Each structure stands twice: as structure tokens, then as C-alpha cells.
Amino acid sequence: MTDHIILESVNFINEITFARASTIFKKYPGLSITDASTVSVMEELGIKKIYSFDKGFDKIDWVVRLK
């Protein structure tokens, strides 16, 4: 698998992705719905790294936050 990195940016997501984002949002208190949506998209695409200054991503054990 290619090593992909996602930049913190989510524009539009479908209902399935939003449903998963809602689950993530409820599981990690303090994580914004936008961050939960980003994590949902990352999960769907198999992306584990993100460039972000947002420490909320540190709550997700499989997400590697690059600064």
C-alpha cells in the first residue's frame, strides 16, 4: 500500500461516511464533528497520517499527526 497523507480538509461526505463520523464523534469526547469526519474519510481510504496542528487527532490511536 502506498503511504498516503491527508491534509485536514473535508468538503462533502456521503451519508455512510457521516454515520461513521457520528460514531467517532460520540466515541471521542472533545473531537469536533469536522475532525470526526476527517477520521472517517481517513479510515475509508486507509490513510493513517495527517498534517494538522489540531491535537484532537491524538485521541485516535491509529492516526499519526504530523506537524
Protein backbone atom coordinates (compact mmCIF):
# COMPACT_ATOMS: atom_id res chain seq x y z
CA MET A 1 0.00 0.00 0.00
CA THR A 2 1.23 3.49 -0.81
CA ASP A 3 1.97 5.72 2.15
CA HIS A 4 -0.75 8.39 1.89
CA ILE A 5 -1.12 11.52 3.95
CA ILE A 6 -4.34 13.51 4.28
CA LEU A 7 -4.41 17.24 4.82
CA GLU A 8 -7.06 18.39 7.25
CA SER A 9 -9.85 19.26 4.85
CA VAL A 10 -13.25 17.72 4.31
CA ASN A 11 -15.70 19.33 1.93
CA PHE A 12 -18.54 16.91 1.26
CA ILE A 13 -19.23 13.45 2.63
CA ASN A 14 -21.95 10.92 1.93
CA GLU A 15 -24.48 9.53 4.41
CA ILE A 16 -22.46 6.41 5.19
CA THR A 17 -19.33 8.43 5.93
CA PHE A 18 -21.35 10.86 8.05
CA ALA A 19 -22.87 7.97 10.03
CA ARG A 20 -19.37 6.65 10.75
CA ALA A 21 -18.22 10.18 11.63
CA SER A 22 -21.11 10.47 14.10
CA THR A 23 -19.99 7.24 15.79
CA ILE A 24 -16.41 8.51 16.01
CA PHE A 25 -17.66 11.88 17.32
CA LYS A 26 -19.55 10.16 20.14
CA LYS A 27 -16.65 7.82 20.97
CA TYR A 28 -14.05 10.58 21.38
CA PRO A 29 -15.36 13.46 23.54
CA GLY A 30 -13.85 16.80 22.58
CA LEU A 31 -13.26 15.77 18.96
CA SER A 32 -15.11 18.09 16.61
CA ILE A 33 -17.56 16.72 14.05
CA THR A 34 -15.25 18.03 11.32
CA ASP A 35 -12.32 16.11 12.81
CA ALA A 36 -14.51 13.02 13.18
CA SER A 37 -15.47 13.34 9.51
CA THR A 38 -11.81 13.61 8.56
CA VAL A 39 -11.01 10.48 10.59
CA SER A 40 -13.92 8.66 8.92
CA VAL A 41 -12.59 9.51 5.45
CA MET A 42 -9.07 8.52 6.50
CA GLU A 43 -10.37 5.17 7.73
CA GLU A 44 -12.27 4.54 4.47
CA LEU A 45 -9.20 5.33 2.38
CA GLY A 46 -6.69 3.53 4.58
CA ILE A 47 -4.82 6.75 5.37
CA LYS A 48 -3.08 6.86 8.73
CA LYS A 49 -1.16 10.16 8.61
CA ILE A 50 -2.44 13.73 8.74
CA TYR A 51 -0.78 17.13 8.74
CA SER A 52 -2.52 19.14 11.45
CA PHE A 53 -1.87 21.31 14.48
CA ASP A 54 -5.16 20.02 15.96
CA LYS A 55 -4.31 17.85 18.98
CA GLY A 56 -7.75 16.26 18.83
CA PHE A 57 -6.38 13.75 16.33
CA ASP A 58 -4.02 12.46 19.03
CA LYS A 59 -7.04 10.82 20.67
CA ILE A 60 -7.24 8.32 17.80
CA ASP A 61 -4.55 5.70 18.44
CA TRP A 62 -4.03 4.70 14.79
CA VAL A 63 -3.81 8.28 13.46
CA VAL A 64 -0.31 9.73 13.15
CA ARG A 65 -0.46 13.52 13.38
CA LEU A 66 2.38 15.25 11.58
CA LYS A 67 3.16 18.85 12.45
